[in-house]
Amino acid sequence: MQTGKSTVKTIFDGTRIFNIPIYQRSYSWDKGNLQDFLTDLVNQYKDRKYFLGSFLFHINDTREEFTVIDIVDGQQRLTTFIIFIQTLIKKLVKKKSSLVSQRTQRIFIKDEDVYKLELSNEDTSFLHNYILSDYPFEKIKTKTPSQSLLLQSKIFFTEELDNFDIEILEKLYY
């Protein structure tokens, strides 16, 4: 890819599938990491860009009209961001915000049957079938510590974003 500063909008342009290679560790962010992530976003000044961190990407392949990009560094942050933005989009749609639409979901989460984030381990189907879907929390059974943390992340963002009005949710999206 390129070096330098990018925005979420340029990274997620709708044409990329992000893949976490098998050699990367499984998801490991706990509630403390999630709280720090959300607090940073909530406290961000509207006129300043938020620094999500450094990422190292490697173009791996193409699949149909998508470019498959391996995440060499930053997989925890990007996975957390995907779970966060999916939850935020659902909240904004529910509140009838004009900032998001079905297209927004296709850019960040899933375009028809193509998910925008893939894990190269046993957690990928769990992420797609349970975390990035509307599957009820109480029916989800986890098999690995990383699946428990992925579920904890979805529950955390769902509960925390329920505490915000539409203005704060739109600020977070912006």
N, C-alpha and C. Protein backbone atom coordinates (compact mmCIF):
# COMPACT_ATOMS: atom_id res chain seq x y z
N MET A 1 0.84 -1.18 0.00
CA MET A 1 0.00 0.00 0.00
C MET A 1 0.88 1.23 0.00
N GLN A 2 0.54 2.18 0.81
CA GLN A 2 1.30 3.41 0.85
C GLN A 2 1.68 3.73 2.28
N THR A 3 2.66 4.58 2.42
CA THR A 3 3.04 5.03 3.75
C THR A 3 2.46 6.41 3.97
N GLY A 4 2.41 6.80 5.21
CA GLY A 4 1.89 8.13 5.51
C GLY A 4 0.57 8.05 6.24
N LYS A 5 -0.07 9.17 6.32
CA LYS A 5 -1.33 9.26 7.05
C LYS A 5 -2.49 8.95 6.12
N SER A 6 -3.38 8.11 6.61
CA SER A 6 -4.59 7.77 5.88
C SER A 6 -5.77 7.98 6.81
N THR A 7 -6.92 8.11 6.23
CA THR A 7 -8.13 8.22 7.03
C THR A 7 -8.88 6.90 6.96
N VAL A 8 -9.80 6.72 7.88
CA VAL A 8 -10.64 5.52 7.86
C VAL A 8 -11.36 5.45 6.52
N LYS A 9 -11.78 6.60 6.03
CA LYS A 9 -12.51 6.65 4.77
C LYS A 9 -11.66 6.16 3.60
N THR A 10 -10.37 6.47 3.61
CA THR A 10 -9.52 6.01 2.50
C THR A 10 -9.12 4.55 2.67
N ILE A 11 -8.98 4.09 3.91
CA ILE A 11 -8.65 2.68 4.14
C ILE A 11 -9.84 1.81 3.77
N PHE A 12 -11.02 2.21 4.22
CA PHE A 12 -12.25 1.47 3.91
C PHE A 12 -12.93 2.16 2.73
N ASP A 13 -12.45 1.85 1.55
CA ASP A 13 -13.03 2.47 0.37
C ASP A 13 -14.06 1.58 -0.32
N GLY A 14 -14.34 0.41 0.30
CA GLY A 14 -15.34 -0.49 -0.26
C GLY A 14 -14.76 -1.54 -1.19
N THR A 15 -13.47 -1.43 -1.52
CA THR A 15 -12.87 -2.36 -2.48
C THR A 15 -11.90 -3.33 -1.82
N ARG A 16 -11.79 -3.30 -0.50
CA ARG A 16 -10.78 -4.11 0.18
C ARG A 16 -11.41 -5.11 1.15
N ILE A 17 -10.75 -6.25 1.23
CA ILE A 17 -11.04 -7.24 2.26
C ILE A 17 -9.77 -7.31 3.10
N PHE A 18 -9.91 -7.11 4.39
CA PHE A 18 -8.77 -7.19 5.29
C PHE A 18 -8.70 -8.59 5.88
N ASN A 19 -7.51 -9.17 5.82
CA ASN A 19 -7.29 -10.53 6.27
C ASN A 19 -6.24 -10.53 7.38
N ILE A 20 -6.55 -11.21 8.46
CA ILE A 20 -5.57 -11.38 9.52
C ILE A 20 -4.92 -12.74 9.30
N PRO A 21 -3.65 -12.75 8.91
CA PRO A 21 -2.97 -14.01 8.59
C PRO A 21 -2.88 -14.95 9.79
N ILE A 22 -2.70 -16.22 9.49
CA ILE A 22 -2.67 -17.27 10.51
C ILE A 22 -1.54 -17.06 11.52
N TYR A 23 -0.46 -16.42 11.11
CA TYR A 23 0.67 -16.22 12.03
C TYR A 23 0.41 -15.13 13.07
N GLN A 24 -0.66 -14.37 12.91
CA GLN A 24 -0.99 -13.34 13.89
C GLN A 24 -1.72 -13.96 15.08
N ARG A 25 -1.56 -13.34 16.23
CA ARG A 25 -2.24 -13.87 17.41
C ARG A 25 -3.75 -13.65 17.30
N SER A 26 -4.48 -14.43 18.03
CA SER A 26 -5.93 -14.32 18.08
C SER A 26 -6.33 -13.03 18.79
N TYR A 27 -7.60 -12.69 18.69
CA TYR A 27 -8.09 -11.46 19.32
C TYR A 27 -7.86 -11.50 20.82
N SER A 28 -7.33 -10.41 21.37
CA SER A 28 -6.95 -10.43 22.79
C SER A 28 -7.35 -9.18 23.57
N TRP A 29 -8.06 -8.24 22.95
CA TRP A 29 -8.40 -7.03 23.69
C TRP A 29 -9.47 -7.33 24.73
N ASP A 30 -9.22 -6.83 25.94
CA ASP A 30 -10.17 -7.02 27.04
C ASP A 30 -10.95 -5.73 27.27
N LYS A 31 -11.77 -5.75 28.30
CA LYS A 31 -12.65 -4.61 28.59
C LYS A 31 -11.87 -3.31 28.83
N GLY A 32 -10.70 -3.39 29.44
CA GLY A 32 -9.88 -2.21 29.66
C GLY A 32 -9.45 -1.57 28.35
N ASN A 33 -9.01 -2.39 27.40
CA ASN A 33 -8.63 -1.88 26.08
C ASN A 33 -9.83 -1.24 25.38
N LEU A 34 -10.98 -1.89 25.49
CA LEU A 34 -12.20 -1.38 24.85
C LEU A 34 -12.62 -0.05 25.45
N GLN A 35 -12.53 0.05 26.78
CA GLN A 35 -12.90 1.30 27.46
C GLN A 35 -11.96 2.43 27.04
N ASP A 36 -10.67 2.15 26.96
CA ASP A 36 -9.71 3.16 26.51
C ASP A 36 -10.02 3.61 25.09
N PHE A 37 -10.31 2.67 24.21
CA PHE A 37 -10.64 2.96 22.82
C PHE A 37 -11.85 3.89 22.74
N LEU A 38 -12.92 3.52 23.45
CA LEU A 38 -14.15 4.31 23.41
C LEU A 38 -13.96 5.67 24.08
N THR A 39 -13.27 5.72 25.20
CA THR A 39 -13.02 6.99 25.89
C THR A 39 -12.25 7.94 24.98
N ASP A 40 -11.24 7.42 24.30
CA ASP A 40 -10.47 8.26 23.37
C ASP A 40 -11.37 8.84 22.29
N LEU A 41 -12.26 8.03 21.75
CA LEU A 41 -13.15 8.52 20.70
C LEU A 41 -14.14 9.55 21.23
N VAL A 42 -14.72 9.29 22.38
CA VAL A 42 -15.70 10.21 22.96
C VAL A 42 -15.06 11.55 23.30
N ASN A 43 -13.84 11.52 23.78
CA ASN A 43 -13.16 12.75 24.20
C ASN A 43 -12.43 13.47 23.06
N GLN A 44 -12.50 12.94 21.88
CA GLN A 44 -11.82 13.54 20.74
C GLN A 44 -12.50 14.85 20.34
N TYR A 45 -11.70 15.87 20.10
CA TYR A 45 -12.25 17.14 19.63
C TYR A 45 -12.75 16.96 18.20
N LYS A 46 -13.89 17.55 17.91
CA LYS A 46 -14.53 17.36 16.60
C LYS A 46 -13.64 17.84 15.45
N ASP A 47 -12.87 18.88 15.68
CA ASP A 47 -12.06 19.44 14.61
C ASP A 47 -10.71 18.76 14.44
N ARG A 48 -10.39 17.82 15.31
CA ARG A 48 -9.10 17.13 15.23
C ARG A 48 -9.31 15.69 14.76
N LYS A 49 -8.37 15.22 13.98
CA LYS A 49 -8.44 13.84 13.51
C LYS A 49 -7.96 12.90 14.61
N TYR A 50 -8.63 11.77 14.73
CA TYR A 50 -8.28 10.77 15.74
C TYR A 50 -7.19 9.87 15.18
N PHE A 51 -6.14 9.63 15.97
CA PHE A 51 -5.06 8.74 15.56
C PHE A 51 -5.40 7.33 16.03
N LEU A 52 -5.79 6.49 15.09
CA LEU A 52 -6.18 5.11 15.41
C LEU A 52 -4.96 4.23 15.65
N GLY A 53 -3.80 4.68 15.22
CA GLY A 53 -2.57 3.92 15.41
C GLY A 53 -1.94 3.58 14.09
N SER A 54 -0.81 2.93 14.16
CA SER A 54 -0.09 2.53 12.95
C SER A 54 -0.57 1.16 12.50
N PHE A 55 -0.64 1.01 11.21
CA PHE A 55 -0.99 -0.27 10.61
C PHE A 55 0.07 -0.62 9.58
N LEU A 56 0.29 -1.88 9.42
CA LEU A 56 1.17 -2.36 8.37
C LEU A 56 0.36 -3.36 7.54
N PHE A 57 0.13 -3.00 6.28
CA PHE A 57 -0.67 -3.82 5.39
C PHE A 57 0.22 -4.40 4.28
N HIS A 58 -0.18 -5.55 3.79
CA HIS A 58 0.50 -6.17 2.66
C HIS A 58 -0.56 -6.66 1.68
N ILE A 59 -0.47 -6.19 0.45
CA ILE A 59 -1.42 -6.64 -0.56
C ILE A 59 -1.14 -8.11 -0.84
N ASN A 60 -2.15 -8.93 -0.67
CA ASN A 60 -1.99 -10.38 -0.76
C ASN A 60 -2.51 -10.93 -2.07
N ASP A 61 -3.72 -10.54 -2.46
CA ASP A 61 -4.39 -11.21 -3.57
C ASP A 61 -5.56 -10.35 -4.03
N THR A 62 -6.27 -10.84 -5.01
CA THR A 62 -7.54 -10.24 -5.41
C THR A 62 -8.59 -11.35 -5.40
N ARG A 63 -9.80 -10.94 -5.11
CA ARG A 63 -10.94 -11.86 -5.12
C ARG A 63 -12.12 -11.10 -5.71
N GLU A 64 -12.52 -11.53 -6.90
CA GLU A 64 -13.53 -10.81 -7.65
C GLU A 64 -13.08 -9.36 -7.80
N GLU A 65 -13.89 -8.39 -7.41
CA GLU A 65 -13.49 -6.99 -7.56
C GLU A 65 -12.78 -6.43 -6.32
N PHE A 66 -12.47 -7.28 -5.35
CA PHE A 66 -11.85 -6.85 -4.10
C PHE A 66 -10.35 -7.15 -4.07
N THR A 67 -9.61 -6.29 -3.37
CA THR A 67 -8.20 -6.53 -3.09
C THR A 67 -8.11 -7.09 -1.68
N VAL A 68 -7.44 -8.24 -1.53
CA VAL A 68 -7.26 -8.86 -0.22
C VAL A 68 -5.96 -8.33 0.37
N ILE A 69 -6.07 -7.74 1.56
CA ILE A 69 -4.93 -7.10 2.21
C ILE A 69 -4.68 -7.77 3.55
N ASP A 70 -3.47 -8.29 3.72
CA ASP A 70 -3.08 -8.87 5.00
C ASP A 70 -2.74 -7.76 5.99
N ILE A 71 -3.20 -7.92 7.22
CA ILE A 71 -2.86 -6.99 8.29
C ILE A 71 -1.64 -7.57 9.01
N VAL A 72 -0.49 -6.97 8.77
CA VAL A 72 0.76 -7.43 9.37
C VAL A 72 0.90 -6.85 10.77
N ASP A 73 0.43 -5.64 10.97
CA ASP A 73 0.44 -5.03 12.29
C ASP A 73 -0.81 -4.17 12.45
N GLY A 74 -1.46 -4.29 13.60
CA GLY A 74 -2.65 -3.50 13.88
C GLY A 74 -3.93 -4.32 13.88
N GLN A 75 -3.81 -5.65 13.92
CA GLN A 75 -5.00 -6.49 13.81
C GLN A 75 -5.95 -6.34 14.99
N GLN A 76 -5.42 -6.08 16.19
CA GLN A 76 -6.30 -5.92 17.35
C GLN A 76 -7.16 -4.65 17.20
N ARG A 77 -6.49 -3.55 16.80
CA ARG A 77 -7.20 -2.28 16.63
C ARG A 77 -8.20 -2.35 15.49
N LEU A 78 -7.82 -2.97 14.39
CA LEU A 78 -8.73 -3.02 13.25
C LEU A 78 -9.93 -3.92 13.53
N THR A 79 -9.70 -5.04 14.20
CA THR A 79 -10.82 -5.91 14.57
C THR A 79 -11.76 -5.19 15.53
N THR A 80 -11.18 -4.50 16.52
CA THR A 80 -12.00 -3.73 17.46
C THR A 80 -12.78 -2.64 16.73
N PHE A 81 -12.11 -1.96 15.81
CA PHE A 81 -12.78 -0.91 15.05
C PHE A 81 -13.96 -1.47 14.27
N ILE A 82 -13.80 -2.63 13.63
CA ILE A 82 -14.88 -3.23 12.85
C ILE A 82 -16.08 -3.55 13.75
N ILE A 83 -15.81 -4.12 14.91
CA ILE A 83 -16.90 -4.44 15.84
C ILE A 83 -17.58 -3.15 16.32
N PHE A 84 -16.77 -2.14 16.64
CA PHE A 84 -17.30 -0.85 17.07
C PHE A 84 -18.15 -0.21 15.97
N ILE A 85 -17.61 -0.12 14.76
CA ILE A 85 -18.33 0.61 13.71
C ILE A 85 -19.60 -0.13 13.31
N GLN A 86 -19.58 -1.46 13.36
CA GLN A 86 -20.79 -2.23 13.06
C GLN A 86 -21.88 -1.91 14.09
N THR A 87 -21.50 -1.86 15.35
CA THR A 87 -22.44 -1.54 16.42
C THR A 87 -22.94 -0.10 16.27
N LEU A 88 -22.03 0.82 15.99
CA LEU A 88 -22.39 2.23 15.82
C LEU A 88 -23.34 2.42 14.64
N ILE A 89 -23.07 1.79 13.53
CA ILE A 89 -23.94 1.90 12.35
C ILE A 89 -25.35 1.41 12.69
N LYS A 90 -25.45 0.29 13.37
CA LYS A 90 -26.77 -0.24 13.75
C LYS A 90 -27.53 0.74 14.65
N LYS A 91 -26.81 1.35 15.60
CA LYS A 91 -27.46 2.33 16.49
C LYS A 91 -27.93 3.54 15.69
N LEU A 92 -27.11 4.02 14.75
CA LEU A 92 -27.47 5.20 13.96
C LEU A 92 -28.64 4.91 13.01
N VAL A 93 -28.66 3.72 12.44
CA VAL A 93 -29.78 3.33 11.58
C VAL A 93 -31.06 3.29 12.40
N LYS A 94 -30.97 2.70 13.59
CA LYS A 94 -32.14 2.61 14.47
C LYS A 94 -32.68 3.99 14.85
N LYS A 95 -31.75 4.96 15.00
CA LYS A 95 -32.16 6.32 15.36
C LYS A 95 -32.43 7.19 14.13
N LYS A 96 -32.41 6.56 12.94
CA LYS A 96 -32.73 7.22 11.68
C LYS A 96 -31.78 8.37 11.34
N SER A 97 -30.51 8.18 11.62
CA SER A 97 -29.50 9.17 11.27
C SER A 97 -29.32 9.20 9.75
N SER A 98 -29.12 10.38 9.23
CA SER A 98 -28.88 10.53 7.79
C SER A 98 -27.42 10.28 7.42
N LEU A 99 -26.56 10.05 8.41
CA LEU A 99 -25.14 9.82 8.13
C LEU A 99 -24.85 8.43 7.60
N VAL A 100 -25.72 7.48 7.89
CA VAL A 100 -25.45 6.09 7.50
C VAL A 100 -26.58 5.53 6.67
N SER A 101 -26.24 4.48 5.93
CA SER A 101 -27.23 3.80 5.09
C SER A 101 -26.78 2.35 4.93
N GLN A 102 -27.51 1.61 4.14
CA GLN A 102 -27.11 0.23 3.85
C GLN A 102 -25.74 0.22 3.17
N ARG A 103 -25.45 1.23 2.38
CA ARG A 103 -24.15 1.33 1.71
C ARG A 103 -23.03 1.41 2.75
N THR A 104 -23.26 2.10 3.83
CA THR A 104 -22.25 2.21 4.89
C THR A 104 -21.90 0.83 5.41
N GLN A 105 -22.89 0.01 5.63
CA GLN A 105 -22.67 -1.37 6.08
C GLN A 105 -21.85 -2.14 5.05
N ARG A 106 -22.13 -1.93 3.77
CA ARG A 106 -21.39 -2.64 2.71
C ARG A 106 -19.93 -2.20 2.64
N ILE A 107 -19.65 -0.96 2.96
CA ILE A 107 -18.27 -0.47 2.93
C ILE A 107 -17.45 -1.06 4.07
N PHE A 108 -18.00 -1.06 5.28
CA PHE A 108 -17.23 -1.44 6.46
C PHE A 108 -17.35 -2.91 6.86
N ILE A 109 -18.51 -3.51 6.69
CA ILE A 109 -18.77 -4.81 7.30
C ILE A 109 -18.92 -5.93 6.28
N LYS A 110 -19.90 -5.82 5.41
CA LYS A 110 -20.20 -6.93 4.51
C LYS A 110 -20.87 -6.39 3.25
N ASP A 111 -20.32 -6.76 2.11
CA ASP A 111 -20.88 -6.37 0.82
C ASP A 111 -21.48 -7.63 0.20
N GLU A 112 -22.80 -7.71 0.25
CA GLU A 112 -23.54 -8.91 -0.13
C GLU A 112 -23.03 -10.09 0.69
N ASP A 113 -22.30 -11.03 0.09
CA ASP A 113 -21.83 -12.19 0.86
C ASP A 113 -20.34 -12.12 1.19
N VAL A 114 -19.73 -10.96 1.00
CA VAL A 114 -18.29 -10.79 1.23
C VAL A 114 -18.06 -9.93 2.47
N TYR A 115 -17.49 -10.56 3.50
CA TYR A 115 -17.13 -9.81 4.71
C TYR A 115 -15.85 -9.04 4.47
N LYS A 116 -15.74 -7.85 5.06
CA LYS A 116 -14.58 -6.99 4.87
C LYS A 116 -13.44 -7.30 5.83
N LEU A 117 -13.68 -8.19 6.80
CA LEU A 117 -12.62 -8.63 7.71
C LEU A 117 -12.69 -10.15 7.80
N GLU A 118 -11.54 -10.78 7.59
CA GLU A 118 -11.43 -12.23 7.70
C GLU A 118 -10.31 -12.56 8.66
N LEU A 119 -10.52 -13.59 9.43
CA LEU A 119 -9.49 -14.09 10.33
C LEU A 119 -9.03 -15.43 9.77
N SER A 120 -7.74 -15.68 9.73
CA SER A 120 -7.25 -16.93 9.17
C SER A 120 -7.11 -18.00 10.25
N ASN A 121 -8.06 -18.04 11.13
CA ASN A 121 -8.06 -19.08 12.16
C ASN A 121 -9.50 -19.51 12.42
N GLU A 122 -9.70 -20.31 13.46
CA GLU A 122 -11.02 -20.86 13.74
C GLU A 122 -12.05 -19.81 14.16
N ASP A 123 -11.61 -18.59 14.39
CA ASP A 123 -12.54 -17.55 14.84
C ASP A 123 -13.26 -16.82 13.72
N THR A 124 -12.89 -17.05 12.47
CA THR A 124 -13.49 -16.28 11.38
C THR A 124 -14.99 -16.54 11.24
N SER A 125 -15.42 -17.79 11.29
CA SER A 125 -16.86 -18.05 11.17
C SER A 125 -17.60 -17.54 12.40
N PHE A 126 -16.97 -17.59 13.56
CA PHE A 126 -17.57 -17.04 14.78
C PHE A 126 -17.78 -15.53 14.63
N LEU A 127 -16.76 -14.84 14.13
CA LEU A 127 -16.86 -13.40 13.91
C LEU A 127 -18.00 -13.09 12.95
N HIS A 128 -18.05 -13.79 11.84
CA HIS A 128 -19.06 -13.51 10.82
C HIS A 128 -20.47 -13.91 11.26
N ASN A 129 -20.61 -15.10 11.83
CA ASN A 129 -21.94 -15.62 12.16
C ASN A 129 -22.56 -15.03 13.42
N TYR A 130 -21.73 -14.62 14.36
CA TYR A 130 -22.27 -14.16 15.64
C TYR A 130 -21.96 -12.70 15.96
N ILE A 131 -20.73 -12.29 15.77
CA ILE A 131 -20.32 -10.94 16.18
C ILE A 131 -20.80 -9.89 15.18
N LEU A 132 -20.67 -10.16 13.90
CA LEU A 132 -21.08 -9.19 12.88
C LEU A 132 -22.48 -9.47 12.35
N SER A 133 -23.28 -10.12 13.16
CA SER A 133 -24.67 -10.40 12.80
C SER A 133 -25.58 -9.92 13.93
N ASP A 134 -26.84 -10.21 13.80
CA ASP A 134 -27.81 -9.83 14.84
C ASP A 134 -28.15 -11.00 15.75
N TYR A 135 -27.30 -11.98 15.80
CA TYR A 135 -27.53 -13.17 16.62
C TYR A 135 -27.63 -12.76 18.09
N PRO A 136 -28.64 -13.23 18.82
CA PRO A 136 -28.81 -12.83 20.24
C PRO A 136 -27.62 -13.24 21.11
N PHE A 137 -27.14 -12.32 21.92
CA PHE A 137 -25.97 -12.57 22.79
C PHE A 137 -26.13 -13.83 23.63
N GLU A 138 -27.31 -13.96 24.23
CA GLU A 138 -27.50 -15.04 25.19
C GLU A 138 -27.46 -16.43 24.55
N LYS A 139 -27.57 -16.51 23.24
CA LYS A 139 -27.52 -17.81 22.56
C LYS A 139 -26.13 -18.15 22.01
N ILE A 140 -25.20 -17.23 22.16
CA ILE A 140 -23.86 -17.45 21.60
C ILE A 140 -23.03 -18.29 22.56
N LYS A 141 -22.48 -19.36 22.04
CA LYS A 141 -21.58 -20.24 22.79
C LYS A 141 -20.16 -20.04 22.26
N THR A 142 -19.23 -19.77 23.15
CA THR A 142 -17.85 -19.59 22.74
C THR A 142 -17.05 -20.85 23.01
N LYS A 143 -16.00 -21.04 22.20
CA LYS A 143 -15.15 -22.23 22.34
C LYS A 143 -13.71 -21.89 22.67
N THR A 144 -13.33 -20.64 22.45
CA THR A 144 -11.94 -20.24 22.68
C THR A 144 -11.91 -18.94 23.48
N PRO A 145 -10.77 -18.65 24.13
CA PRO A 145 -10.67 -17.36 24.83
C PRO A 145 -10.85 -16.17 23.89
N SER A 146 -10.36 -16.26 22.67
CA SER A 146 -10.51 -15.13 21.74
C SER A 146 -11.98 -14.95 21.34
N GLN A 147 -12.73 -16.03 21.21
CA GLN A 147 -14.16 -15.89 20.91
C GLN A 147 -14.88 -15.22 22.08
N SER A 148 -14.51 -15.55 23.29
CA SER A 148 -15.10 -14.89 24.46
C SER A 148 -14.80 -13.40 24.45
N LEU A 149 -13.59 -13.02 24.06
CA LEU A 149 -13.22 -11.60 24.00
C LEU A 149 -13.92 -10.90 22.85
N LEU A 150 -14.09 -11.56 21.72
CA LEU A 150 -14.85 -10.97 20.61
C LEU A 150 -16.29 -10.70 21.04
N LEU A 151 -16.89 -11.66 21.73
CA LEU A 151 -18.26 -11.49 22.23
C LEU A 151 -18.32 -10.37 23.26
N GLN A 152 -17.35 -10.35 24.17
CA GLN A 152 -17.29 -9.29 25.18
C GLN A 152 -17.20 -7.92 24.51
N SER A 153 -16.46 -7.83 23.42
CA SER A 153 -16.32 -6.57 22.70
C SER A 153 -17.66 -6.13 22.12
N LYS A 154 -18.37 -7.05 21.50
CA LYS A 154 -19.68 -6.71 20.92
C LYS A 154 -20.66 -6.27 22.02
N ILE A 155 -20.69 -7.01 23.11
CA ILE A 155 -21.60 -6.66 24.21
C ILE A 155 -21.22 -5.30 24.80
N PHE A 156 -19.92 -5.07 24.99
CA PHE A 156 -19.45 -3.81 25.56
C PHE A 156 -19.91 -2.63 24.70
N PHE A 157 -19.64 -2.67 23.40
CA PHE A 157 -20.02 -1.55 22.55
C PHE A 157 -21.53 -1.40 22.45
N THR A 158 -22.26 -2.48 22.40
CA THR A 158 -23.72 -2.42 22.35
C THR A 158 -24.26 -1.71 23.59
N GLU A 159 -23.79 -2.11 24.75
CA GLU A 159 -24.27 -1.51 26.00
C GLU A 159 -23.82 -0.07 26.16
N GLU A 160 -22.57 0.21 25.86
CA GLU A 160 -22.04 1.57 26.03
C GLU A 160 -22.69 2.56 25.06
N LEU A 161 -22.87 2.16 23.81
CA LEU A 161 -23.46 3.08 22.84
C LEU A 161 -24.93 3.34 23.12
N ASP A 162 -25.59 2.45 23.86
CA ASP A 162 -26.98 2.70 24.28
C ASP A 162 -27.08 3.92 25.19
N ASN A 163 -25.97 4.30 25.83
CA ASN A 163 -25.97 5.43 26.76
C ASN A 163 -25.85 6.79 26.07
N PHE A 164 -25.64 6.81 24.75
CA PHE A 164 -25.40 8.06 24.05
C PHE A 164 -26.60 8.48 23.21
N ASP A 165 -26.81 9.79 23.14
CA ASP A 165 -27.86 10.29 22.26
C ASP A 165 -27.33 10.36 20.83
N ILE A 166 -28.21 10.69 19.91
CA ILE A 166 -27.84 10.67 18.49
C ILE A 166 -26.71 11.65 18.16
N GLU A 167 -26.66 12.77 18.85
CA GLU A 167 -25.60 13.75 18.57
C GLU A 167 -24.22 13.18 18.87
N ILE A 168 -24.09 12.49 19.98
CA ILE A 168 -22.79 11.90 20.34
C ILE A 168 -22.49 10.73 19.40
N LEU A 169 -23.50 9.93 19.08
CA LEU A 169 -23.28 8.82 18.15
C LEU A 169 -22.82 9.34 16.78
N GLU A 170 -23.42 10.41 16.32
CA GLU A 170 -23.01 10.99 15.03
C GLU A 170 -21.61 11.58 15.12
N LYS A 171 -21.28 12.18 16.26
CA LYS A 171 -19.92 12.69 16.45
C LYS A 171 -18.90 11.54 16.40
N LEU A 172 -19.24 10.42 17.03
CA LEU A 172 -18.36 9.25 17.00
C LEU A 172 -18.19 8.75 15.57
N TYR A 173 -19.25 8.75 14.81
CA TYR A 173 -19.17 8.28 13.43
C TYR A 173 -18.32 9.24 12.59
N TYR A 174 -18.52 10.51 12.82
CA TYR A 174 -17.76 11.52 12.07
C TYR A 174 -16.28 11.37 12.36
